[in-house]
Amino acid sequence: MVKGQKVVCINDTFPQIILALYKQLPVKGQVYTVREVFLGREKIVRGGDSATVGLLLEELKNPPDPFHQGQQELGFSSERFAPLEELPDEEAESAAEEVGAGTLAGAWAN
């Protein structure tokens, strides 16, 4: 995923702690614009570090991450989103209306 890309949320199930920390959360089936892509953090996994790709979205603004020394804004795992394929303008409007109606199904992601 890249800055400026349109994505659709495929997973909007969040643990209680996330609901307490975030002001705005994505909604399954809604289309968003990638504002920033960054390397996220994860727990250490057996003998090595692993990381996720994190996203900030144009349409959602959240407070700084209380666990990040640089006070980076709280973002979302890219696995919660699927790229929205670019279509000619007329077709894109039609697809966005269908996506807004919640016609897409997706798998759970972090």
PDB file of N, CA and C in Angstrom:
ATOM      1  N   MET A   1       0.848  -1.176   0.000  1.00  0.00           N
ATOM      2  CA  MET A   1       0.000   0.000   0.000  1.00  0.00           C
ATOM      3  C   MET A   1       0.891   1.236   0.000  1.00  0.00           C
ATOM      4  N   VAL A   2       0.403   2.264  -0.663  1.00  0.00           N
ATOM      5  CA  VAL A   2       1.183   3.484  -0.811  1.00  0.00           C
ATOM      6  C   VAL A   2       0.339   4.708  -0.480  1.00  0.00           C
ATOM      7  N   LYS A   3       1.020   5.788  -0.165  1.00  0.00           N
ATOM      8  CA  LYS A   3       0.355   7.053   0.152  1.00  0.00           C
ATOM      9  C   LYS A   3      -0.547   7.453  -1.014  1.00  0.00           C
ATOM     10  N   GLY A   4      -1.776   7.858  -0.696  1.00  0.00           N
ATOM     11  CA  GLY A   4      -2.734   8.280  -1.701  1.00  0.00           C
ATOM     12  C   GLY A   4      -3.615   7.164  -2.245  1.00  0.00           C
ATOM     13  N   GLN A   5      -3.279   5.919  -1.938  1.00  0.00           N
ATOM     14  CA  GLN A   5      -4.039   4.764  -2.428  1.00  0.00           C
ATOM     15  C   GLN A   5      -5.377   4.665  -1.694  1.00  0.00           C
ATOM     16  N   LYS A   6      -6.404   4.252  -2.424  1.00  0.00           N
ATOM     17  CA  LYS A   6      -7.717   3.991  -1.828  1.00  0.00           C
ATOM     18  C   LYS A   6      -7.736   2.552  -1.335  1.00  0.00           C
ATOM     19  N   VAL A   7      -8.258   2.349  -0.117  1.00  0.00           N
ATOM     20  CA  VAL A   7      -8.357   1.017   0.482  1.00  0.00           C
ATOM     21  C   VAL A   7      -9.749   0.865   1.085  1.00  0.00           C
ATOM     22  N   VAL A   8     -10.164  -0.386   1.242  1.00  0.00           N
ATOM     23  CA  VAL A   8     -11.452  -0.663   1.875  1.00  0.00           C
ATOM     24  C   VAL A   8     -11.190  -1.474   3.144  1.00  0.00           C
ATOM     25  N   CYS A   9     -11.873  -1.121   4.219  1.00  0.00           N
ATOM     26  CA  CYS A   9     -11.711  -1.835   5.483  1.00  0.00           C
ATOM     27  C   CYS A   9     -12.378  -3.204   5.378  1.00  0.00           C
ATOM     28  N   ILE A  10     -11.631  -4.249   5.764  1.00  0.00           N
ATOM     29  CA  ILE A  10     -12.174  -5.611   5.738  1.00  0.00           C
ATOM     30  C   ILE A  10     -12.299  -6.203   7.141  1.00  0.00           C
ATOM     31  N   ASN A  11     -11.830  -5.462   8.153  1.00  0.00           N
ATOM     32  CA  ASN A  11     -11.919  -5.955   9.529  1.00  0.00           C
ATOM     33  C   ASN A  11     -12.051  -4.774  10.483  1.00  0.00           C
ATOM     34  N   ASP A  12     -13.196  -4.655  11.118  1.00  0.00           N
ATOM     35  CA  ASP A  12     -13.390  -3.574  12.083  1.00  0.00           C
ATOM     36  C   ASP A  12     -13.695  -4.103  13.484  1.00  0.00           C
ATOM     37  N   THR A  13     -13.176  -5.281  13.793  1.00  0.00           N
ATOM     38  CA  THR A  13     -13.324  -5.859  15.117  1.00  0.00           C
ATOM     39  C   THR A  13     -12.082  -5.511  15.934  1.00  0.00           C
ATOM     40  N   PHE A  14     -12.273  -4.775  17.022  1.00  0.00           N
ATOM     41  CA  PHE A  14     -11.153  -4.299  17.828  1.00  0.00           C
ATOM     42  C   PHE A  14     -11.297  -4.740  19.282  1.00  0.00           C
ATOM     43  N   PRO A  15     -10.160  -5.030  19.950  1.00  0.00           N
ATOM     44  CA  PRO A  15     -10.222  -5.342  21.382  1.00  0.00           C
ATOM     45  C   PRO A  15     -10.601  -4.087  22.185  1.00  0.00           C
ATOM     46  N   GLN A  16     -11.055  -4.282  23.396  1.00  0.00           N
ATOM     47  CA  GLN A  16     -11.524  -3.197  24.260  1.00  0.00           C
ATOM     48  C   GLN A  16     -10.477  -2.105  24.459  1.00  0.00           C
ATOM     49  N   ILE A  17      -9.199  -2.466  24.582  1.00  0.00           N
ATOM     50  CA  ILE A  17      -8.143  -1.464  24.810  1.00  0.00           C
ATOM     51  C   ILE A  17      -8.067  -0.483  23.651  1.00  0.00           C
ATOM     52  N   ILE A  18      -8.263  -0.968  22.428  1.00  0.00           N
ATOM     53  CA  ILE A  18      -8.223  -0.097  21.246  1.00  0.00           C
ATOM     54  C   ILE A  18      -9.392   0.889  21.295  1.00  0.00           C
ATOM     55  N   LEU A  19     -10.556   0.403  21.689  1.00  0.00           N
ATOM     56  CA  LEU A  19     -11.726   1.277  21.789  1.00  0.00           C
ATOM     57  C   LEU A  19     -11.483   2.410  22.783  1.00  0.00           C
ATOM     58  N   ALA A  20     -10.680   2.142  23.810  1.00  0.00           N
ATOM     59  CA  ALA A  20     -10.386   3.151  24.823  1.00  0.00           C
ATOM     60  C   ALA A  20      -9.330   4.157  24.350  1.00  0.00           C
ATOM     61  N   LEU A  21      -8.378   3.727  23.514  1.00  0.00           N
ATOM     62  CA  LEU A  21      -7.272   4.584  23.090  1.00  0.00           C
ATOM     63  C   LEU A  21      -7.578   5.461  21.877  1.00  0.00           C
ATOM     64  N   TYR A  22      -8.354   4.940  20.946  1.00  0.00           N
ATOM     65  CA  TYR A  22      -8.594   5.624  19.674  1.00  0.00           C
ATOM     66  C   TYR A  22      -9.837   6.506  19.735  1.00  0.00           C
ATOM     67  N   LYS A  23      -9.816   7.598  18.974  1.00  0.00           N
ATOM     68  CA  LYS A  23     -10.993   8.458  18.846  1.00  0.00           C
ATOM     69  C   LYS A  23     -11.818   8.054  17.636  1.00  0.00           C
ATOM     70  N   GLN A  24     -11.146   7.615  16.549  1.00  0.00           N
ATOM     71  CA  GLN A  24     -11.837   7.259  15.314  1.00  0.00           C
ATOM     72  C   GLN A  24     -11.313   5.913  14.816  1.00  0.00           C
ATOM     73  N   LEU A  25     -12.231   5.020  14.465  1.00  0.00           N
ATOM     74  CA  LEU A  25     -11.868   3.693  13.972  1.00  0.00           C
ATOM     75  C   LEU A  25     -12.494   3.454  12.602  1.00  0.00           C
ATOM     76  N   PRO A  26     -11.828   2.659  11.772  1.00  0.00           N
ATOM     77  CA  PRO A  26     -12.410   2.354  10.458  1.00  0.00           C
ATOM     78  C   PRO A  26     -13.617   1.432  10.592  1.00  0.00           C
ATOM     79  N   VAL A  27     -14.476   1.485   9.581  1.00  0.00           N
ATOM     80  CA  VAL A  27     -15.695   0.686   9.557  1.00  0.00           C
ATOM     81  C   VAL A  27     -15.623  -0.251   8.356  1.00  0.00           C
ATOM     82  N   LYS A  28     -15.930  -1.512   8.593  1.00  0.00           N
ATOM     83  CA  LYS A  28     -15.886  -2.519   7.545  1.00  0.00           C
ATOM     84  C   LYS A  28     -16.745  -2.085   6.361  1.00  0.00           C
ATOM     85  N   GLY A  29     -16.157  -2.201   5.156  1.00  0.00           N
ATOM     86  CA  GLY A  29     -16.864  -1.845   3.938  1.00  0.00           C
ATOM     87  C   GLY A  29     -16.675  -0.398   3.509  1.00  0.00           C
ATOM     88  N   GLN A  30     -16.128   0.446   4.386  1.00  0.00           N
ATOM     89  CA  GLN A  30     -15.913   1.853   4.048  1.00  0.00           C
ATOM     90  C   GLN A  30     -14.583   2.028   3.318  1.00  0.00           C
ATOM     91  N   VAL A  31     -14.534   3.009   2.427  1.00  0.00           N
ATOM     92  CA  VAL A  31     -13.333   3.300   1.643  1.00  0.00           C
ATOM     93  C   VAL A  31     -12.565   4.439   2.313  1.00  0.00           C
ATOM     94  N   TYR A  32     -11.243   4.296   2.374  1.00  0.00           N
ATOM     95  CA  TYR A  32     -10.358   5.282   2.987  1.00  0.00           C
ATOM     96  C   TYR A  32      -9.187   5.565   2.059  1.00  0.00           C
ATOM     97  N   THR A  33      -8.488   6.676   2.327  1.00  0.00           N
ATOM     98  CA  THR A  33      -7.305   7.070   1.564  1.00  0.00           C
ATOM     99  C   THR A  33      -6.090   6.968   2.475  1.00  0.00           C
ATOM    100  N   VAL A  34      -5.044   6.295   2.022  1.00  0.00           N
ATOM    101  CA  VAL A  34      -3.818   6.152   2.815  1.00  0.00           C
ATOM    102  C   VAL A  34      -3.127   7.512   2.902  1.00  0.00           C
ATOM    103  N   ARG A  35      -2.922   7.987   4.129  1.00  0.00           N
ATOM    104  CA  ARG A  35      -2.227   9.249   4.388  1.00  0.00           C
ATOM    105  C   ARG A  35      -0.740   9.018   4.587  1.00  0.00           C
ATOM    106  N   GLU A  36      -0.402   7.901   5.252  1.00  0.00           N
ATOM    107  CA  GLU A  36       0.995   7.579   5.534  1.00  0.00           C
ATOM    108  C   GLU A  36       1.134   6.078   5.743  1.00  0.00           C
ATOM    109  N   VAL A  37       2.283   5.540   5.328  1.00  0.00           N
ATOM    110  CA  VAL A  37       2.614   4.132   5.542  1.00  0.00           C
ATOM    111  C   VAL A  37       3.844   4.105   6.441  1.00  0.00           C
ATOM    112  N   PHE A  38       3.825   3.263   7.479  1.00  0.00           N
ATOM    113  CA  PHE A  38       4.961   3.205   8.403  1.00  0.00           C
ATOM    114  C   PHE A  38       5.174   1.774   8.886  1.00  0.00           C
ATOM    115  N   LEU A  39       6.344   1.522   9.436  1.00  0.00           N
ATOM    116  CA  LEU A  39       6.666   0.225  10.008  1.00  0.00           C
ATOM    117  C   LEU A  39       6.100   0.185  11.417  1.00  0.00           C
ATOM    118  N   GLY A  40       5.185  -0.763  11.655  1.00  0.00           N
ATOM    119  CA  GLY A  40       4.542  -0.893  12.957  1.00  0.00           C
ATOM    120  C   GLY A  40       5.341  -1.787  13.892  1.00  0.00           C
ATOM    121  N   ARG A  41       4.827  -1.938  15.103  1.00  0.00           N
ATOM    122  CA  ARG A  41       5.496  -2.769  16.105  1.00  0.00           C
ATOM    123  C   ARG A  41       4.657  -4.001  16.393  1.00  0.00           C
ATOM    124  N   GLU A  42       5.348  -5.090  16.720  1.00  0.00           N
ATOM    125  CA  GLU A  42       4.687  -6.303  17.187  1.00  0.00           C
ATOM    126  C   GLU A  42       5.539  -6.920  18.271  1.00  0.00           C
ATOM    127  N   LYS A  43       4.978  -7.887  18.945  1.00  0.00           N
ATOM    128  CA  LYS A  43       5.731  -8.615  19.961  1.00  0.00           C
ATOM    129  C   LYS A  43       6.850  -9.414  19.307  1.00  0.00           C
ATOM    130  N   ILE A  44       7.897  -9.668  20.075  1.00  0.00           N
ATOM    131  CA  ILE A  44       9.001 -10.488  19.578  1.00  0.00           C
ATOM    132  C   ILE A  44       8.508 -11.919  19.402  1.00  0.00           C
ATOM    133  N   VAL A  45       8.829 -12.508  18.268  1.00  0.00           N
ATOM    134  CA  VAL A  45       8.358 -13.855  17.946  1.00  0.00           C
ATOM    135  C   VAL A  45       9.567 -14.786  17.831  1.00  0.00           C
ATOM    136  N   ARG A  46       9.653 -15.762  18.703  1.00  0.00           N
ATOM    137  CA  ARG A  46      10.671 -16.821  18.712  1.00  0.00           C
ATOM    138  C   ARG A  46      11.967 -16.506  17.976  1.00  0.00           C
ATOM    139  N   GLY A  47      12.879 -15.861  18.661  1.00  0.00           N
ATOM    140  CA  GLY A  47      14.214 -15.663  18.115  1.00  0.00           C
ATOM    141  C   GLY A  47      14.337 -14.527  17.119  1.00  0.00           C
ATOM    142  N   GLY A  48      13.336 -13.756  16.907  1.00  0.00           N
ATOM    143  CA  GLY A  48      13.446 -12.655  15.959  1.00  0.00           C
ATOM    144  C   GLY A  48      12.364 -11.631  16.177  1.00  0.00           C
ATOM    145  N   ASP A  49      12.563 -10.504  15.572  1.00  0.00           N
ATOM    146  CA  ASP A  49      11.557  -9.447  15.641  1.00  0.00           C
ATOM    147  C   ASP A  49      10.660  -9.561  14.424  1.00  0.00           C
ATOM    148  N   SER A  50       9.437  -9.208  14.585  1.00  0.00           N
ATOM    149  CA  SER A  50       8.541  -9.124  13.438  1.00  0.00           C
ATOM    150  C   SER A  50       7.864  -7.768  13.503  1.00  0.00           C
ATOM    151  N   ALA A  51       7.454  -7.296  12.381  1.00  0.00           N
ATOM    152  CA  ALA A  51       6.797  -5.997  12.339  1.00  0.00           C
ATOM    153  C   ALA A  51       5.660  -6.043  11.334  1.00  0.00           C
ATOM    154  N   THR A  52       4.782  -5.099  11.447  1.00  0.00           N
ATOM    155  CA  THR A  52       3.674  -4.988  10.512  1.00  0.00           C
ATOM    156  C   THR A  52       3.794  -3.667   9.774  1.00  0.00           C
ATOM    157  N   VAL A  53       3.061  -3.544   8.709  1.00  0.00           N
ATOM    158  CA  VAL A  53       2.963  -2.278   8.001  1.00  0.00           C
ATOM    159  C   VAL A  53       1.762  -1.554   8.584  1.00  0.00           C
ATOM    160  N   GLY A  54       1.994  -0.349   9.064  1.00  0.00           N
ATOM    161  CA  GLY A  54       0.928   0.440   9.649  1.00  0.00           C
ATOM    162  C   GLY A  54       0.459   1.519   8.688  1.00  0.00           C
ATOM    163  N   LEU A  55      -0.767   1.953   8.875  1.00  0.00           N
ATOM    164  CA  LEU A  55      -1.344   2.984   8.014  1.00  0.00           C
ATOM    165  C   LEU A  55      -1.965   4.094   8.847  1.00  0.00           C
ATOM    166  N   LEU A  56      -1.824   5.314   8.351  1.00  0.00           N
ATOM    167  CA  LEU A  56      -2.631   6.433   8.811  1.00  0.00           C
ATOM    168  C   LEU A  56      -3.557   6.760   7.652  1.00  0.00           C
ATOM    169  N   LEU A  57      -4.782   7.140   7.959  1.00  0.00           N
ATOM    170  CA  LEU A  57      -5.790   7.364   6.932  1.00  0.00           C
ATOM    171  C   LEU A  57      -6.239   8.823   6.923  1.00  0.00           C
ATOM    172  N   GLU A  58      -6.430   9.370   5.717  1.00  0.00           N
ATOM    173  CA  GLU A  58      -6.855  10.768   5.568  1.00  0.00           C
ATOM    174  C   GLU A  58      -8.142  11.060   6.334  1.00  0.00           C
ATOM    175  N   GLU A  59      -9.059  10.134   6.294  1.00  0.00           N
ATOM    176  CA  GLU A  59     -10.382  10.363   6.851  1.00  0.00           C
ATOM    177  C   GLU A  59     -10.470  10.192   8.367  1.00  0.00           C
ATOM    178  N   LEU A  60      -9.446   9.607   8.975  1.00  0.00           N
ATOM    179  CA  LEU A  60      -9.468   9.344  10.417  1.00  0.00           C
ATOM    180  C   LEU A  60      -8.263   9.981  11.093  1.00  0.00           C
ATOM    181  N   LYS A  61      -8.490  10.666  12.196  1.00  0.00           N
ATOM    182  CA  LYS A  61      -7.411  11.284  12.983  1.00  0.00           C
ATOM    183  C   LYS A  61      -7.501  10.736  14.409  1.00  0.00           C
ATOM    184  N   ASN A  62      -6.339  10.377  14.974  1.00  0.00           N
ATOM    185  CA  ASN A  62      -6.300   9.804  16.316  1.00  0.00           C
ATOM    186  C   ASN A  62      -5.216  10.462  17.143  1.00  0.00           C
ATOM    187  N   PRO A  63      -5.269  10.281  18.455  1.00  0.00           N
ATOM    188  CA  PRO A  63      -4.260  10.873  19.335  1.00  0.00           C
ATOM    189  C   PRO A  63      -2.911  10.183  19.171  1.00  0.00           C
ATOM    190  N   PRO A  64      -1.865  10.760  19.759  1.00  0.00           N
ATOM    191  CA  PRO A  64      -0.547  10.125  19.721  1.00  0.00           C
ATOM    192  C   PRO A  64      -0.554   8.780  20.447  1.00  0.00           C
ATOM    193  N   ASP A  65       0.293   7.878  19.980  1.00  0.00           N
ATOM    194  CA  ASP A  65       0.457   6.564  20.603  1.00  0.00           C
ATOM    195  C   ASP A  65       1.149   6.756  21.949  1.00  0.00           C
ATOM    196  N   PRO A  66       0.502   6.406  23.059  1.00  0.00           N
ATOM    197  CA  PRO A  66       1.107   6.618  24.378  1.00  0.00           C
ATOM    198  C   PRO A  66       2.340   5.750  24.625  1.00  0.00           C
ATOM    199  N   PHE A  67       2.552   4.721  23.799  1.00  0.00           N
ATOM    200  CA  PHE A  67       3.698   3.834  23.975  1.00  0.00           C
ATOM    201  C   PHE A  67       4.834   4.129  22.993  1.00  0.00           C
ATOM    202  N   HIS A  68       4.699   5.163  22.169  1.00  0.00           N
ATOM    203  CA  HIS A  68       5.711   5.505  21.165  1.00  0.00           C
ATOM    204  C   HIS A  68       6.460   6.745  21.633  1.00  0.00           C
ATOM    205  N   GLN A  69       7.797   6.632  21.726  1.00  0.00           N
ATOM    206  CA  GLN A  69       8.598   7.744  22.239  1.00  0.00           C
ATOM    207  C   GLN A  69       8.454   9.005  21.391  1.00  0.00           C
ATOM    208  N   GLY A  70       8.272   8.837  20.091  1.00  0.00           N
ATOM    209  CA  GLY A  70       8.142   9.985  19.200  1.00  0.00           C
ATOM    210  C   GLY A  70       6.735  10.540  19.116  1.00  0.00           C
ATOM    211  N   GLN A  71       5.819   9.992  19.921  1.00  0.00           N
ATOM    212  CA  GLN A  71       4.423  10.446  19.941  1.00  0.00           C
ATOM    213  C   GLN A  71       3.758  10.357  18.570  1.00  0.00           C
ATOM    214  N   GLN A  72       4.102   9.302  17.815  1.00  0.00           N
ATOM    215  CA  GLN A  72       3.472   9.056  16.521  1.00  0.00           C
ATOM    216  C   GLN A  72       1.981   8.816  16.711  1.00  0.00           C
ATOM    217  N   GLU A  73       1.180   9.294  15.771  1.00  0.00           N
ATOM    218  CA  GLU A  73      -0.270   9.094  15.824  1.00  0.00           C
ATOM    219  C   GLU A  73      -0.596   7.598  15.805  1.00  0.00           C
ATOM    220  N   LEU A  74      -1.619   7.212  16.555  1.00  0.00           N
ATOM    221  CA  LEU A  74      -2.081   5.831  16.542  1.00  0.00           C
ATOM    222  C   LEU A  74      -2.576   5.485  15.137  1.00  0.00           C
ATOM    223  N   GLY A  75      -2.074   4.384  14.583  1.00  0.00           N
ATOM    224  CA  GLY A  75      -2.455   3.967  13.239  1.00  0.00           C
ATOM    225  C   GLY A  75      -3.106   2.597  13.254  1.00  0.00           C
ATOM    226  N   PHE A  76      -3.207   2.006  12.064  1.00  0.00           N
ATOM    227  CA  PHE A  76      -3.898   0.728  11.900  1.00  0.00           C
ATOM    228  C   PHE A  76      -3.026  -0.242  11.107  1.00  0.00           C
ATOM    229  N   SER A  77      -3.145  -1.522  11.408  1.00  0.00           N
ATOM    230  CA  SER A  77      -2.449  -2.549  10.647  1.00  0.00           C
ATOM    231  C   SER A  77      -2.984  -2.561   9.217  1.00  0.00           C
ATOM    232  N   SER A  78      -2.081  -2.644   8.259  1.00  0.00           N
ATOM    233  CA  SER A  78      -2.499  -2.684   6.851  1.00  0.00           C
ATOM    234  C   SER A  78      -3.317  -3.933   6.555  1.00  0.00           C
ATOM    235  N   GLU A  79      -3.200  -4.950   7.405  1.00  0.00           N
ATOM    236  CA  GLU A  79      -3.943  -6.189   7.191  1.00  0.00           C
ATOM    237  C   GLU A  79      -5.446  -6.010   7.404  1.00  0.00           C
ATOM    238  N   ARG A  80      -5.844  -4.889   7.967  1.00  0.00           N
ATOM    239  CA  ARG A  80      -7.265  -4.596   8.146  1.00  0.00           C
ATOM    240  C   ARG A  80      -7.909  -4.050   6.873  1.00  0.00           C
ATOM    241  N   PHE A  81      -7.091  -3.842   5.821  1.00  0.00           N
ATOM    242  CA  PHE A  81      -7.568  -3.181   4.606  1.00  0.00           C
ATOM    243  C   PHE A  81      -7.186  -3.961   3.359  1.00  0.00           C
ATOM    244  N   ALA A  82      -8.007  -3.823   2.330  1.00  0.00           N
ATOM    245  CA  ALA A  82      -7.717  -4.383   1.011  1.00  0.00           C
ATOM    246  C   ALA A  82      -7.621  -3.223   0.039  1.00  0.00           C
ATOM    247  N   PRO A  83      -6.680  -3.307  -0.912  1.00  0.00           N
ATOM    248  CA  PRO A  83      -6.580  -2.230  -1.905  1.00  0.00           C
ATOM    249  C   PRO A  83      -7.858  -2.155  -2.737  1.00  0.00           C
ATOM    250  N   LEU A  84      -8.273  -0.953  -3.021  1.00  0.00           N
ATOM    251  CA  LEU A  84      -9.419  -0.747  -3.899  1.00  0.00           C
ATOM    252  C   LEU A  84      -8.839  -0.509  -5.284  1.00  0.00           C
ATOM    253  N   GLU A  85      -9.131  -1.402  -6.209  1.00  0.00           N
ATOM    254  CA  GLU A  85      -8.561  -1.289  -7.548  1.00  0.00           C
ATOM    255  C   GLU A  85      -9.065  -0.018  -8.221  1.00  0.00           C
ATOM    256  N   GLU A  86      -8.147   0.623  -8.924  1.00  0.00           N
ATOM    257  CA  GLU A  86      -8.496   1.842  -9.630  1.00  0.00           C
ATOM    258  C   GLU A  86      -9.372   1.512 -10.827  1.00  0.00           C
ATOM    259  N   LEU A  87     -10.482   2.222 -10.955  1.00  0.00           N
ATOM    260  CA  LEU A  87     -11.419   2.037 -12.050  1.00  0.00           C
ATOM    261  C   LEU A  87     -11.633   3.392 -12.724  1.00  0.00           C
ATOM    262  N   PRO A  88     -12.100   3.398 -13.956  1.00  0.00           N
ATOM    263  CA  PRO A  88     -12.472   4.687 -14.562  1.00  0.00           C
ATOM    264  C   PRO A  88     -13.466   5.400 -13.652  1.00  0.00           C
ATOM    265  N   ASP A  89     -13.499   6.723 -13.677  1.00  0.00           N
ATOM    266  CA  ASP A  89     -14.294   7.528 -12.758  1.00  0.00           C
ATOM    267  C   ASP A  89     -15.730   7.048 -12.582  1.00  0.00           C
ATOM    268  N   GLU A  90     -16.433   6.782 -13.654  1.00  0.00           N
ATOM    269  CA  GLU A  90     -17.827   6.353 -13.581  1.00  0.00           C
ATOM    270  C   GLU A  90     -17.962   5.029 -12.833  1.00  0.00           C
ATOM    271  N   GLU A  91     -17.101   4.071 -13.178  1.00  0.00           N
ATOM    272  CA  GLU A  91     -17.145   2.760 -12.530  1.00  0.00           C
ATOM    273  C   GLU A  91     -16.726   2.857 -11.076  1.00  0.00           C
ATOM    274  N   ALA A  92     -15.763   3.724 -10.757  1.00  0.00           N
ATOM    275  CA  ALA A  92     -15.287   3.878  -9.381  1.00  0.00           C
ATOM    276  C   ALA A  92     -16.408   4.390  -8.486  1.00  0.00           C
ATOM    277  N   GLU A  93     -17.209   5.338  -8.981  1.00  0.00           N
ATOM    278  CA  GLU A  93     -18.315   5.855  -8.192  1.00  0.00           C
ATOM    279  C   GLU A  93     -19.318   4.747  -7.888  1.00  0.00           C
ATOM    280  N   SER A  94     -19.609   3.929  -8.880  1.00  0.00           N
ATOM    281  CA  SER A  94     -20.547   2.827  -8.700  1.00  0.00           C
ATOM    282  C   SER A  94     -20.007   1.820  -7.681  1.00  0.00           C
ATOM    283  N   ALA A  95     -18.720   1.490  -7.798  1.00  0.00           N
ATOM    284  CA  ALA A  95     -18.093   0.535  -6.878  1.00  0.00           C
ATOM    285  C   ALA A  95     -18.067   1.090  -5.463  1.00  0.00           C
ATOM    286  N   ALA A  96     -17.790   2.381  -5.306  1.00  0.00           N
ATOM    287  CA  ALA A  96     -17.740   2.992  -3.978  1.00  0.00           C
ATOM    288  C   ALA A  96     -19.111   2.924  -3.317  1.00  0.00           C
ATOM    289  N   GLU A  97     -20.183   3.104  -4.100  1.00  0.00           N
ATOM    290  CA  GLU A  97     -21.525   2.996  -3.540  1.00  0.00           C
ATOM    291  C   GLU A  97     -21.795   1.580  -3.057  1.00  0.00           C
ATOM    292  N   GLU A  98     -21.363   0.578  -3.832  1.00  0.00           N
ATOM    293  CA  GLU A  98     -21.552  -0.813  -3.434  1.00  0.00           C
ATOM    294  C   GLU A  98     -20.749  -1.127  -2.189  1.00  0.00           C
ATOM    295  N   VAL A  99     -19.486  -0.656  -2.141  1.00  0.00           N
ATOM    296  CA  VAL A  99     -18.636  -0.901  -0.972  1.00  0.00           C
ATOM    297  C   VAL A  99     -19.251  -0.251   0.255  1.00  0.00           C
ATOM    298  N   GLY A 100     -19.763   0.966   0.097  1.00  0.00           N
ATOM    299  CA  GLY A 100     -20.386   1.672   1.219  1.00  0.00           C
ATOM    300  C   GLY A 100     -21.582   0.909   1.770  1.00  0.00           C
ATOM    301  N   ALA A 101     -22.192   0.092   0.941  1.00  0.00           N
ATOM    302  CA  ALA A 101     -23.341  -0.681   1.386  1.00  0.00           C
ATOM    303  C   ALA A 101     -22.926  -1.951   2.118  1.00  0.00           C
ATOM    304  N   GLY A 102     -21.619  -2.180   2.248  1.00  0.00           N
ATOM    305  CA  GLY A 102     -21.127  -3.325   3.000  1.00  0.00           C
ATOM    306  C   GLY A 102     -21.177  -4.620   2.220  1.00  0.00           C
ATOM    307  N   THR A 103     -20.923  -4.574   0.904  1.00  0.00           N
ATOM    308  CA  THR A 103     -21.017  -5.782   0.099  1.00  0.00           C
ATOM    309  C   THR A 103     -19.749  -6.617   0.124  1.00  0.00           C
ATOM    310  N   LEU A 104     -18.652  -6.069   0.667  1.00  0.00           N
ATOM    311  CA  LEU A 104     -17.403  -6.831   0.693  1.00  0.00           C
ATOM    312  C   LEU A 104     -17.294  -7.651   1.958  1.00  0.00           C
ATOM    313  N   ALA A 105     -16.722  -8.823   1.832  1.00  0.00           N
ATOM    314  CA  ALA A 105     -16.452  -9.658   3.015  1.00  0.00           C
ATOM    315  C   ALA A 105     -14.954  -9.804   3.138  1.00  0.00           C
ATOM    316  N   GLY A 106     -14.457  -9.959   4.349  1.00  0.00           N
ATOM    317  CA  GLY A 106     -13.019 -10.073   4.523  1.00  0.00           C
ATOM    318  C   GLY A 106     -12.658 -10.971   5.682  1.00  0.00           C
ATOM    319  N   ALA A 107     -11.368 -11.212   5.808  1.00  0.00           N
ATOM    320  CA  ALA A 107     -10.860 -12.065   6.876  1.00  0.00           C
ATOM    321  C   ALA A 107     -10.377 -11.199   8.032  1.00  0.00           C
ATOM    322  N   TRP A 108     -10.281 -11.774   9.187  1.00  0.00           N
ATOM    323  CA  TRP A 108      -9.792 -11.068  10.358  1.00  0.00           C
ATOM    324  C   TRP A 108      -8.317 -10.801  10.207  1.00  0.00           C
ATOM    325  N   ALA A 109      -7.844  -9.640  10.643  1.00  0.00           N
ATOM    326  CA  ALA A 109      -6.430  -9.268  10.617  1.00  0.00           C
ATOM    327  C   ALA A 109      -6.117  -8.506  11.882  1.00  0.00           C
ATOM    328  N   ASN A 110      -4.832  -8.329  12.179  1.00  0.00           N
ATOM    329  CA  ASN A 110      -4.413  -7.585  13.381  1.00  0.00           C
ATOM    330  C   ASN A 110      -4.839  -6.157  13.308  1.00  0.00           C
TER     331      ASN A 110
END
